[in-house]
Amino acid sequence: MFKHYNNINTASIVLTRPRITEKATALASTEAGVYTFEVSARANKVLVADAVKKLFKVTPVKVNIINTKAKTVFRRGKVGTVGGIKKAMIYLKKGDKIDLI
């Protein structure tokens, strides 16, 4: 599906949305410059790095991908599930920034 792409629309499909959590904002504000995004289930490190280059015009130094499992939850007397996600942690060199807001 994502084998070869040239346009920004396909790059935005790879990066689903940024993870705006307390931990993610703390990592982004440090000198390391680590940004966390939710990515497509079929995305890999190369596709994520290419999408960041195309969308934000910065070159990542390193990309880590983490799969989180679905969890069983108990709400209002009923059992349900919270779906798992795939997220990417993108490391930028010192001085590079991604403006998310």
PDB file of N, CA and C in Angstrom:
ATOM      1  N   MET A   1       0.808  -1.191   0.000  1.00  0.00           N
ATOM      2  CA  MET A   1       0.000   0.000   0.000  1.00  0.00           C
ATOM      3  C   MET A   1       0.856   1.261   0.000  1.00  0.00           C
ATOM      4  N   PHE A   2       1.898   1.314   0.842  1.00  0.00           N
ATOM      5  CA  PHE A   2       2.722   2.503   0.948  1.00  0.00           C
ATOM      6  C   PHE A   2       4.050   2.348   0.236  1.00  0.00           C
ATOM      7  N   LYS A   3       4.180   1.367  -0.637  1.00  0.00           N
ATOM      8  CA  LYS A   3       5.482   1.004  -1.177  1.00  0.00           C
ATOM      9  C   LYS A   3       6.256   2.211  -1.714  1.00  0.00           C
ATOM     10  N   HIS A   4       5.699   2.921  -2.635  1.00  0.00           N
ATOM     11  CA  HIS A   4       6.356   4.109  -3.180  1.00  0.00           C
ATOM     12  C   HIS A   4       5.336   5.231  -3.201  1.00  0.00           C
ATOM     13  N   TYR A   5       5.713   6.330  -2.598  1.00  0.00           N
ATOM     14  CA  TYR A   5       4.815   7.476  -2.650  1.00  0.00           C
ATOM     15  C   TYR A   5       5.625   8.732  -2.832  1.00  0.00           C
ATOM     16  N   ASN A   6       5.004   9.702  -3.463  1.00  0.00           N
ATOM     17  CA  ASN A   6       5.696  10.946  -3.770  1.00  0.00           C
ATOM     18  C   ASN A   6       4.990  12.164  -3.202  1.00  0.00           C
ATOM     19  N   ASN A   7       3.746  12.047  -2.827  1.00  0.00           N
ATOM     20  CA  ASN A   7       3.017  13.240  -2.440  1.00  0.00           C
ATOM     21  C   ASN A   7       2.788  13.311  -0.937  1.00  0.00           C
ATOM     22  N   ILE A   8       2.368  14.458  -0.483  1.00  0.00           N
ATOM     23  CA  ILE A   8       2.167  14.710   0.942  1.00  0.00           C
ATOM     24  C   ILE A   8       0.932  13.990   1.460  1.00  0.00           C
ATOM     25  N   ASN A   9      -0.070  13.750   0.628  1.00  0.00           N
ATOM     26  CA  ASN A   9      -1.275  13.067   1.088  1.00  0.00           C
ATOM     27  C   ASN A   9      -0.966  11.668   1.600  1.00  0.00           C
ATOM     28  N   THR A  10      -0.123  10.938   0.905  1.00  0.00           N
ATOM     29  CA  THR A  10       0.239   9.603   1.345  1.00  0.00           C
ATOM     30  C   THR A  10       1.114   9.661   2.593  1.00  0.00           C
ATOM     31  N   ALA A  11       1.963  10.662   2.701  1.00  0.00           N
ATOM     32  CA  ALA A  11       2.792  10.826   3.893  1.00  0.00           C
ATOM     33  C   ALA A  11       1.924  11.110   5.114  1.00  0.00           C
ATOM     34  N   SER A  12       0.829  11.828   4.936  1.00  0.00           N
ATOM     35  CA  SER A  12      -0.059  12.116   6.063  1.00  0.00           C
ATOM     36  C   SER A  12      -0.879  10.887   6.460  1.00  0.00           C
ATOM     37  N   ILE A  13      -0.993   9.890   5.585  1.00  0.00           N
ATOM     38  CA  ILE A  13      -1.664   8.647   5.953  1.00  0.00           C
ATOM     39  C   ILE A  13      -0.756   7.824   6.865  1.00  0.00           C
ATOM     40  N   VAL A  14       0.542   7.872   6.638  1.00  0.00           N
ATOM     41  CA  VAL A  14       1.488   7.126   7.471  1.00  0.00           C
ATOM     42  C   VAL A  14       1.473   7.671   8.891  1.00  0.00           C
ATOM     43  N   LEU A  15       1.581   8.992   9.050  1.00  0.00           N
ATOM     44  CA  LEU A  15       1.518   9.622  10.367  1.00  0.00           C
ATOM     45  C   LEU A  15       0.063   9.952  10.661  1.00  0.00           C
ATOM     46  N   THR A  16      -0.560   9.203  11.560  1.00  0.00           N
ATOM     47  CA  THR A  16      -1.975   9.394  11.851  1.00  0.00           C
ATOM     48  C   THR A  16      -2.215  10.686  12.615  1.00  0.00           C
ATOM     49  N   ARG A  17      -1.545  10.823  13.770  1.00  0.00           N
ATOM     50  CA  ARG A  17      -1.673  12.046  14.565  1.00  0.00           C
ATOM     51  C   ARG A  17      -0.567  12.080  15.618  1.00  0.00           C
ATOM     52  N   PRO A  18      -0.263  13.264  16.112  1.00  0.00           N
ATOM     53  CA  PRO A  18       0.756  13.340  17.172  1.00  0.00           C
ATOM     54  C   PRO A  18       0.184  12.874  18.499  1.00  0.00           C
ATOM     55  N   ARG A  19       1.035  12.295  19.338  1.00  0.00           N
ATOM     56  CA  ARG A  19       0.637  11.881  20.685  1.00  0.00           C
ATOM     57  C   ARG A  19       0.932  13.045  21.608  1.00  0.00           C
ATOM     58  N   ILE A  20      -0.106  13.707  22.078  1.00  0.00           N
ATOM     59  CA  ILE A  20       0.050  14.837  22.985  1.00  0.00           C
ATOM     60  C   ILE A  20      -0.266  14.335  24.391  1.00  0.00           C
ATOM     61  N   THR A  21       0.755  13.836  25.061  1.00  0.00           N
ATOM     62  CA  THR A  21       0.626  13.381  26.434  1.00  0.00           C
ATOM     63  C   THR A  21       1.665  14.116  27.265  1.00  0.00           C
ATOM     64  N   GLU A  22       1.571  13.959  28.564  1.00  0.00           N
ATOM     65  CA  GLU A  22       2.517  14.629  29.444  1.00  0.00           C
ATOM     66  C   GLU A  22       3.942  14.147  29.181  1.00  0.00           C
ATOM     67  N   LYS A  23       4.106  12.855  29.024  1.00  0.00           N
ATOM     68  CA  LYS A  23       5.426  12.289  28.776  1.00  0.00           C
ATOM     69  C   LYS A  23       5.961  12.716  27.407  1.00  0.00           C
ATOM     70  N   ALA A  24       5.101  12.709  26.389  1.00  0.00           N
ATOM     71  CA  ALA A  24       5.533  13.067  25.038  1.00  0.00           C
ATOM     72  C   ALA A  24       5.951  14.530  24.960  1.00  0.00           C
ATOM     73  N   THR A  25       5.233  15.428  25.612  1.00  0.00           N
ATOM     74  CA  THR A  25       5.604  16.841  25.588  1.00  0.00           C
ATOM     75  C   THR A  25       6.878  17.088  26.381  1.00  0.00           C
ATOM     76  N   ALA A  26       7.097  16.327  27.439  1.00  0.00           N
ATOM     77  CA  ALA A  26       8.344  16.459  28.194  1.00  0.00           C
ATOM     78  C   ALA A  26       9.533  16.018  27.354  1.00  0.00           C
ATOM     79  N   LEU A  27       9.382  14.937  26.593  1.00  0.00           N
ATOM     80  CA  LEU A  27      10.458  14.465  25.730  1.00  0.00           C
ATOM     81  C   LEU A  27      10.745  15.445  24.593  1.00  0.00           C
ATOM     82  N   ALA A  28       9.702  16.053  24.063  1.00  0.00           N
ATOM     83  CA  ALA A  28       9.874  16.988  22.951  1.00  0.00           C
ATOM     84  C   ALA A  28      10.536  18.280  23.401  1.00  0.00           C
ATOM     85  N   SER A  29      10.307  18.688  24.645  1.00  0.00           N
ATOM     86  CA  SER A  29      10.849  19.953  25.116  1.00  0.00           C
ATOM     87  C   SER A  29      12.296  19.837  25.593  1.00  0.00           C
ATOM     88  N   THR A  30      12.815  18.625  25.759  1.00  0.00           N
ATOM     89  CA  THR A  30      14.197  18.454  26.184  1.00  0.00           C
ATOM     90  C   THR A  30      15.148  18.663  25.005  1.00  0.00           C
ATOM     91  N   GLU A  31      16.435  18.613  25.297  1.00  0.00           N
ATOM     92  CA  GLU A  31      17.438  18.786  24.244  1.00  0.00           C
ATOM     93  C   GLU A  31      17.422  17.653  23.231  1.00  0.00           C
ATOM     94  N   ALA A  32      16.950  16.478  23.650  1.00  0.00           N
ATOM     95  CA  ALA A  32      16.954  15.313  22.755  1.00  0.00           C
ATOM     96  C   ALA A  32      16.042  15.535  21.553  1.00  0.00           C
ATOM     97  N   GLY A  33      14.931  16.240  21.717  1.00  0.00           N
ATOM     98  CA  GLY A  33      14.023  16.493  20.606  1.00  0.00           C
ATOM     99  C   GLY A  33      13.350  15.240  20.097  1.00  0.00           C
ATOM    100  N   VAL A  34      12.646  14.534  20.995  1.00  0.00           N
ATOM    101  CA  VAL A  34      11.958  13.299  20.640  1.00  0.00           C
ATOM    102  C   VAL A  34      10.472  13.606  20.483  1.00  0.00           C
ATOM    103  N   TYR A  35       9.923  13.333  19.303  1.00  0.00           N
ATOM    104  CA  TYR A  35       8.511  13.571  19.030  1.00  0.00           C
ATOM    105  C   TYR A  35       7.816  12.238  18.832  1.00  0.00           C
ATOM    106  N   THR A  36       6.596  12.119  19.369  1.00  0.00           N
ATOM    107  CA  THR A  36       5.856  10.871  19.324  1.00  0.00           C
ATOM    108  C   THR A  36       4.614  11.039  18.454  1.00  0.00           C
ATOM    109  N   PHE A  37       4.416  10.111  17.527  1.00  0.00           N
ATOM    110  CA  PHE A  37       3.262  10.118  16.629  1.00  0.00           C
ATOM    111  C   PHE A  37       2.609   8.750  16.631  1.00  0.00           C
ATOM    112  N   GLU A  38       1.290   8.733  16.467  1.00  0.00           N
ATOM    113  CA  GLU A  38       0.602   7.486  16.155  1.00  0.00           C
ATOM    114  C   GLU A  38       0.755   7.286  14.656  1.00  0.00           C
ATOM    115  N   VAL A  39       1.048   6.045  14.260  1.00  0.00           N
ATOM    116  CA  VAL A  39       1.280   5.753  12.849  1.00  0.00           C
ATOM    117  C   VAL A  39       0.345   4.643  12.385  1.00  0.00           C
ATOM    118  N   SER A  40       0.282   4.473  11.094  1.00  0.00           N
ATOM    119  CA  SER A  40      -0.530   3.414  10.502  1.00  0.00           C
ATOM    120  C   SER A  40      -0.008   2.052  10.935  1.00  0.00           C
ATOM    121  N   ALA A  41      -0.880   1.073  10.974  1.00  0.00           N
ATOM    122  CA  ALA A  41      -0.505  -0.268  11.407  1.00  0.00           C
ATOM    123  C   ALA A  41       0.486  -0.926  10.444  1.00  0.00           C
ATOM    124  N   ARG A  42       0.523  -0.477   9.203  1.00  0.00           N
ATOM    125  CA  ARG A  42       1.417  -1.074   8.212  1.00  0.00           C
ATOM    126  C   ARG A  42       2.688  -0.272   7.995  1.00  0.00           C
ATOM    127  N   ALA A  43       2.883   0.799   8.753  1.00  0.00           N
ATOM    128  CA  ALA A  43       4.051   1.655   8.575  1.00  0.00           C
ATOM    129  C   ALA A  43       5.299   1.012   9.178  1.00  0.00           C
ATOM    130  N   ASN A  44       6.448   1.317   8.582  1.00  0.00           N
ATOM    131  CA  ASN A  44       7.724   0.882   9.130  1.00  0.00           C
ATOM    132  C   ASN A  44       8.616   2.101   9.347  1.00  0.00           C
ATOM    133  N   LYS A  45       9.838   1.881   9.820  1.00  0.00           N
ATOM    134  CA  LYS A  45      10.724   2.988  10.171  1.00  0.00           C
ATOM    135  C   LYS A  45      11.084   3.857   8.970  1.00  0.00           C
ATOM    136  N   VAL A  46      11.311   3.235   7.840  1.00  0.00           N
ATOM    137  CA  VAL A  46      11.691   3.976   6.642  1.00  0.00           C
ATOM    138  C   VAL A  46      10.545   4.866   6.176  1.00  0.00           C
ATOM    139  N   LEU A  47       9.337   4.327   6.158  1.00  0.00           N
ATOM    140  CA  LEU A  47       8.177   5.119   5.744  1.00  0.00           C
ATOM    141  C   LEU A  47       7.927   6.276   6.692  1.00  0.00           C
ATOM    142  N   VAL A  48       8.090   6.049   7.995  1.00  0.00           N
ATOM    143  CA  VAL A  48       7.883   7.115   8.978  1.00  0.00           C
ATOM    144  C   VAL A  48       8.922   8.209   8.784  1.00  0.00           C
ATOM    145  N   ALA A  49      10.172   7.836   8.582  1.00  0.00           N
ATOM    146  CA  ALA A  49      11.227   8.833   8.373  1.00  0.00           C
ATOM    147  C   ALA A  49      10.967   9.646   7.104  1.00  0.00           C
ATOM    148  N   ASP A  50      10.545   9.001   6.029  1.00  0.00           N
ATOM    149  CA  ASP A  50      10.232   9.711   4.787  1.00  0.00           C
ATOM    150  C   ASP A  50       9.049  10.652   4.967  1.00  0.00           C
ATOM    151  N   ALA A  51       8.034  10.222   5.716  1.00  0.00           N
ATOM    152  CA  ALA A  51       6.862  11.062   5.944  1.00  0.00           C
ATOM    153  C   ALA A  51       7.227  12.299   6.757  1.00  0.00           C
ATOM    154  N   VAL A  52       8.090  12.149   7.737  1.00  0.00           N
ATOM    155  CA  VAL A  52       8.526  13.302   8.542  1.00  0.00           C
ATOM    156  C   VAL A  52       9.315  14.278   7.678  1.00  0.00           C
ATOM    157  N   LYS A  53      10.168  13.760   6.790  1.00  0.00           N
ATOM    158  CA  LYS A  53      10.922  14.627   5.878  1.00  0.00           C
ATOM    159  C   LYS A  53       9.991  15.435   4.987  1.00  0.00           C
ATOM    160  N   LYS A  54       8.970  14.762   4.439  1.00  0.00           N
ATOM    161  CA  LYS A  54       8.067  15.440   3.520  1.00  0.00           C
ATOM    162  C   LYS A  54       7.143  16.444   4.211  1.00  0.00           C
ATOM    163  N   LEU A  55       6.598  16.072   5.366  1.00  0.00           N
ATOM    164  CA  LEU A  55       5.614  16.927   6.015  1.00  0.00           C
ATOM    165  C   LEU A  55       6.223  18.071   6.814  1.00  0.00           C
ATOM    166  N   PHE A  56       7.331  17.820   7.506  1.00  0.00           N
ATOM    167  CA  PHE A  56       7.872  18.815   8.428  1.00  0.00           C
ATOM    168  C   PHE A  56       9.209  19.383   7.994  1.00  0.00           C
ATOM    169  N   LYS A  57       9.770  18.913   6.892  1.00  0.00           N
ATOM    170  CA  LYS A  57      11.024  19.422   6.335  1.00  0.00           C
ATOM    171  C   LYS A  57      12.197  19.325   7.310  1.00  0.00           C
ATOM    172  N   VAL A  58      12.241  18.254   8.107  1.00  0.00           N
ATOM    173  CA  VAL A  58      13.370  17.965   8.986  1.00  0.00           C
ATOM    174  C   VAL A  58      13.779  16.507   8.768  1.00  0.00           C
ATOM    175  N   THR A  59      15.052  16.215   8.994  1.00  0.00           N
ATOM    176  CA  THR A  59      15.550  14.858   8.806  1.00  0.00           C
ATOM    177  C   THR A  59      15.715  14.182  10.162  1.00  0.00           C
ATOM    178  N   PRO A  60      15.006  13.085  10.407  1.00  0.00           N
ATOM    179  CA  PRO A  60      15.154  12.386  11.680  1.00  0.00           C
ATOM    180  C   PRO A  60      16.484  11.647  11.770  1.00  0.00           C
ATOM    181  N   VAL A  61      17.050  11.628  12.970  1.00  0.00           N
ATOM    182  CA  VAL A  61      18.286  10.901  13.217  1.00  0.00           C
ATOM    183  C   VAL A  61      17.984   9.428  13.447  1.00  0.00           C
ATOM    184  N   LYS A  62      16.895   9.162  14.182  1.00  0.00           N
ATOM    185  CA  LYS A  62      16.539   7.791  14.544  1.00  0.00           C
ATOM    186  C   LYS A  62      15.027   7.700  14.688  1.00  0.00           C
ATOM    187  N   VAL A  63      14.467   6.531  14.379  1.00  0.00           N
ATOM    188  CA  VAL A  63      13.036   6.283  14.537  1.00  0.00           C
ATOM    189  C   VAL A  63      12.856   4.958  15.273  1.00  0.00           C
ATOM    190  N   ASN A  64      12.114   4.984  16.364  1.00  0.00           N
ATOM    191  CA  ASN A  64      11.742   3.768  17.078  1.00  0.00           C
ATOM    192  C   ASN A  64      10.249   3.559  16.927  1.00  0.00           C
ATOM    193  N   ILE A  65       9.822   2.307  16.714  1.00  0.00           N
ATOM    194  CA  ILE A  65       8.402   1.994  16.577  1.00  0.00           C
ATOM    195  C   ILE A  65       7.997   1.052  17.699  1.00  0.00           C
ATOM    196  N   ILE A  66       6.843   1.358  18.319  1.00  0.00           N
ATOM    197  CA  ILE A  66       6.348   0.593  19.459  1.00  0.00           C
ATOM    198  C   ILE A  66       4.921   0.157  19.159  1.00  0.00           C
ATOM    199  N   ASN A  67       4.651  -1.135  19.293  1.00  0.00           N
ATOM    200  CA  ASN A  67       3.294  -1.663  19.177  1.00  0.00           C
ATOM    201  C   ASN A  67       2.720  -1.826  20.575  1.00  0.00           C
ATOM    202  N   THR A  68       1.559  -1.251  20.830  1.00  0.00           N
ATOM    203  CA  THR A  68       0.900  -1.460  22.120  1.00  0.00           C
ATOM    204  C   THR A  68      -0.257  -2.422  21.907  1.00  0.00           C
ATOM    205  N   LYS A  69      -0.446  -3.328  22.836  1.00  0.00           N
ATOM    206  CA  LYS A  69      -1.490  -4.336  22.724  1.00  0.00           C
ATOM    207  C   LYS A  69      -2.846  -3.761  23.125  1.00  0.00           C
ATOM    208  N   ALA A  70      -3.899  -4.393  22.649  1.00  0.00           N
ATOM    209  CA  ALA A  70      -5.254  -4.032  23.059  1.00  0.00           C
ATOM    210  C   ALA A  70      -5.449  -4.458  24.514  1.00  0.00           C
ATOM    211  N   LYS A  71      -6.212  -3.673  25.260  1.00  0.00           N
ATOM    212  CA  LYS A  71      -6.448  -3.974  26.671  1.00  0.00           C
ATOM    213  C   LYS A  71      -7.928  -4.252  26.905  1.00  0.00           C
ATOM    214  N   THR A  72      -8.208  -5.125  27.839  1.00  0.00           N
ATOM    215  CA  THR A  72      -9.573  -5.392  28.264  1.00  0.00           C
ATOM    216  C   THR A  72      -9.897  -4.446  29.404  1.00  0.00           C
ATOM    217  N   VAL A  73     -11.015  -3.754  29.285  1.00  0.00           N
ATOM    218  CA  VAL A  73     -11.425  -2.800  30.317  1.00  0.00           C
ATOM    219  C   VAL A  73     -12.803  -3.168  30.842  1.00  0.00           C
ATOM    220  N   PHE A  74     -13.111  -2.685  32.014  1.00  0.00           N
ATOM    221  CA  PHE A  74     -14.397  -2.930  32.659  1.00  0.00           C
ATOM    222  C   PHE A  74     -15.031  -1.577  32.950  1.00  0.00           C
ATOM    223  N   ARG A  75     -16.083  -1.226  32.209  1.00  0.00           N
ATOM    224  CA  ARG A  75     -16.733   0.073  32.362  1.00  0.00           C
ATOM    225  C   ARG A  75     -18.237  -0.109  32.514  1.00  0.00           C
ATOM    226  N   ARG A  76     -18.784   0.545  33.508  1.00  0.00           N
ATOM    227  CA  ARG A  76     -20.229   0.551  33.750  1.00  0.00           C
ATOM    228  C   ARG A  76     -20.807  -0.857  33.783  1.00  0.00           C
ATOM    229  N   GLY A  77     -20.079  -1.778  34.372  1.00  0.00           N
ATOM    230  CA  GLY A  77     -20.571  -3.135  34.515  1.00  0.00           C
ATOM    231  C   GLY A  77     -20.428  -4.003  33.292  1.00  0.00           C
ATOM    232  N   LYS A  78     -19.767  -3.497  32.259  1.00  0.00           N
ATOM    233  CA  LYS A  78     -19.605  -4.269  31.032  1.00  0.00           C
ATOM    234  C   LYS A  78     -18.130  -4.403  30.690  1.00  0.00           C
ATOM    235  N   VAL A  79     -17.810  -5.516  30.070  1.00  0.00           N
ATOM    236  CA  VAL A  79     -16.435  -5.751  29.636  1.00  0.00           C
ATOM    237  C   VAL A  79     -16.298  -5.287  28.192  1.00  0.00           C
ATOM    238  N   GLY A  80     -15.213  -4.558  27.921  1.00  0.00           N
ATOM    239  CA  GLY A  80     -14.953  -4.098  26.564  1.00  0.00           C
ATOM    240  C   GLY A  80     -13.457  -4.113  26.307  1.00  0.00           C
ATOM    241  N   THR A  81     -13.067  -3.598  25.159  1.00  0.00           N
ATOM    242  CA  THR A  81     -11.647  -3.532  24.832  1.00  0.00           C
ATOM    243  C   THR A  81     -11.281  -2.132  24.371  1.00  0.00           C
ATOM    244  N   VAL A  82     -10.055  -1.764  24.647  1.00  0.00           N
ATOM    245  CA  VAL A  82      -9.471  -0.538  24.126  1.00  0.00           C
ATOM    246  C   VAL A  82      -8.428  -0.995  23.122  1.00  0.00           C
ATOM    247  N   GLY A  83      -8.567  -0.572  21.886  1.00  0.00           N
ATOM    248  CA  GLY A  83      -7.702  -1.048  20.823  1.00  0.00           C
ATOM    249  C   GLY A  83      -6.258  -0.653  20.997  1.00  0.00           C
ATOM    250  N   GLY A  84      -5.368  -1.485  20.546  1.00  0.00           N
ATOM    251  CA  GLY A  84      -3.952  -1.180  20.573  1.00  0.00           C
ATOM    252  C   GLY A  84      -3.583  -0.236  19.440  1.00  0.00           C
ATOM    253  N   ILE A  85      -2.458   0.430  19.586  1.00  0.00           N
ATOM    254  CA  ILE A  85      -1.993   1.361  18.557  1.00  0.00           C
ATOM    255  C   ILE A  85      -0.538   1.080  18.245  1.00  0.00           C
ATOM    256  N   LYS A  86      -0.080   1.671  17.182  1.00  0.00           N
ATOM    257  CA  LYS A  86       1.324   1.626  16.813  1.00  0.00           C
ATOM    258  C   LYS A  86       1.820   3.056  16.864  1.00  0.00           C
ATOM    259  N   LYS A  87       2.894   3.298  17.607  1.00  0.00           N
ATOM    260  CA  LYS A  87       3.405   4.657  17.707  1.00  0.00           C
ATOM    261  C   LYS A  87       4.873   4.688  17.344  1.00  0.00           C
ATOM    262  N   ALA A  88       5.306   5.850  16.877  1.00  0.00           N
ATOM    263  CA  ALA A  88       6.692   6.039  16.471  1.00  0.00           C
ATOM    264  C   ALA A  88       7.289   7.173  17.274  1.00  0.00           C
ATOM    265  N   MET A  89       8.494   6.940  17.781  1.00  0.00           N
ATOM    266  CA  MET A  89       9.242   7.978  18.471  1.00  0.00           C
ATOM    267  C   MET A  89      10.329   8.448  17.512  1.00  0.00           C
ATOM    268  N   ILE A  90      10.298   9.734  17.164  1.00  0.00           N
ATOM    269  CA  ILE A  90      11.177  10.291  16.151  1.00  0.00           C
ATOM    270  C   ILE A  90      12.196  11.186  16.836  1.00  0.00           C
ATOM    271  N   TYR A  91      13.463  10.868  16.666  1.00  0.00           N
ATOM    272  CA  TYR A  91      14.562  11.614  17.268  1.00  0.00           C
ATOM    273  C   TYR A  91      15.121  12.579  16.224  1.00  0.00           C
ATOM    274  N   LEU A  92      15.198  13.853  16.584  1.00  0.00           N
ATOM    275  CA  LEU A  92      15.761  14.862  15.697  1.00  0.00           C
ATOM    276  C   LEU A  92      17.097  15.336  16.246  1.00  0.00           C
ATOM    277  N   LYS A  93      17.930  15.878  15.367  1.00  0.00           N
ATOM    278  CA  LYS A  93      19.205  16.396  15.842  1.00  0.00           C
ATOM    279  C   LYS A  93      18.985  17.703  16.597  1.00  0.00           C
ATOM    280  N   LYS A  94      19.957  18.063  17.402  1.00  0.00           N
ATOM    281  CA  LYS A  94      19.844  19.239  18.246  1.00  0.00           C
ATOM    282  C   LYS A  94      19.613  20.486  17.412  1.00  0.00           C
ATOM    283  N   GLY A  95      18.614  21.253  17.789  1.00  0.00           N
ATOM    284  CA  GLY A  95      18.273  22.467  17.070  1.00  0.00           C
ATOM    285  C   GLY A  95      17.075  22.324  16.148  1.00  0.00           C
ATOM    286  N   ASP A  96      16.753  21.121  15.675  1.00  0.00           N
ATOM    287  CA  ASP A  96      15.579  20.910  14.827  1.00  0.00           C
ATOM    288  C   ASP A  96      14.329  20.829  15.686  1.00  0.00           C
ATOM    289  N   LYS A  97      13.232  21.352  15.140  1.00  0.00           N
ATOM    290  CA  LYS A  97      11.953  21.331  15.849  1.00  0.00           C
ATOM    291  C   LYS A  97      10.839  20.988  14.899  1.00  0.00           C
ATOM    292  N   ILE A  98       9.761  20.416  15.450  1.00  0.00           N
ATOM    293  CA  ILE A  98       8.523  20.202  14.712  1.00  0.00           C
ATOM    294  C   ILE A  98       7.453  21.005  15.417  1.00  0.00           C
ATOM    295  N   ASP A  99       6.795  21.908  14.692  1.00  0.00           N
ATOM    296  CA  ASP A  99       5.705  22.692  15.278  1.00  0.00           C
ATOM    297  C   ASP A  99       4.407  21.928  15.115  1.00  0.00           C
ATOM    298  N   LEU A 100       3.855  21.452  16.232  1.00  0.00           N
ATOM    299  CA  LEU A 100       2.628  20.669  16.187  1.00  0.00           C
ATOM    300  C   LEU A 100       1.391  21.525  16.346  1.00  0.00           C
ATOM    301  N   ILE A 101       1.525  22.677  16.937  1.00  0.00           N
ATOM    302  CA  ILE A 101       0.343  23.516  17.181  1.00  0.00           C
ATOM    303  C   ILE A 101       0.420  24.784  16.369  1.00  0.00           C
TER     304      ILE A 101
END
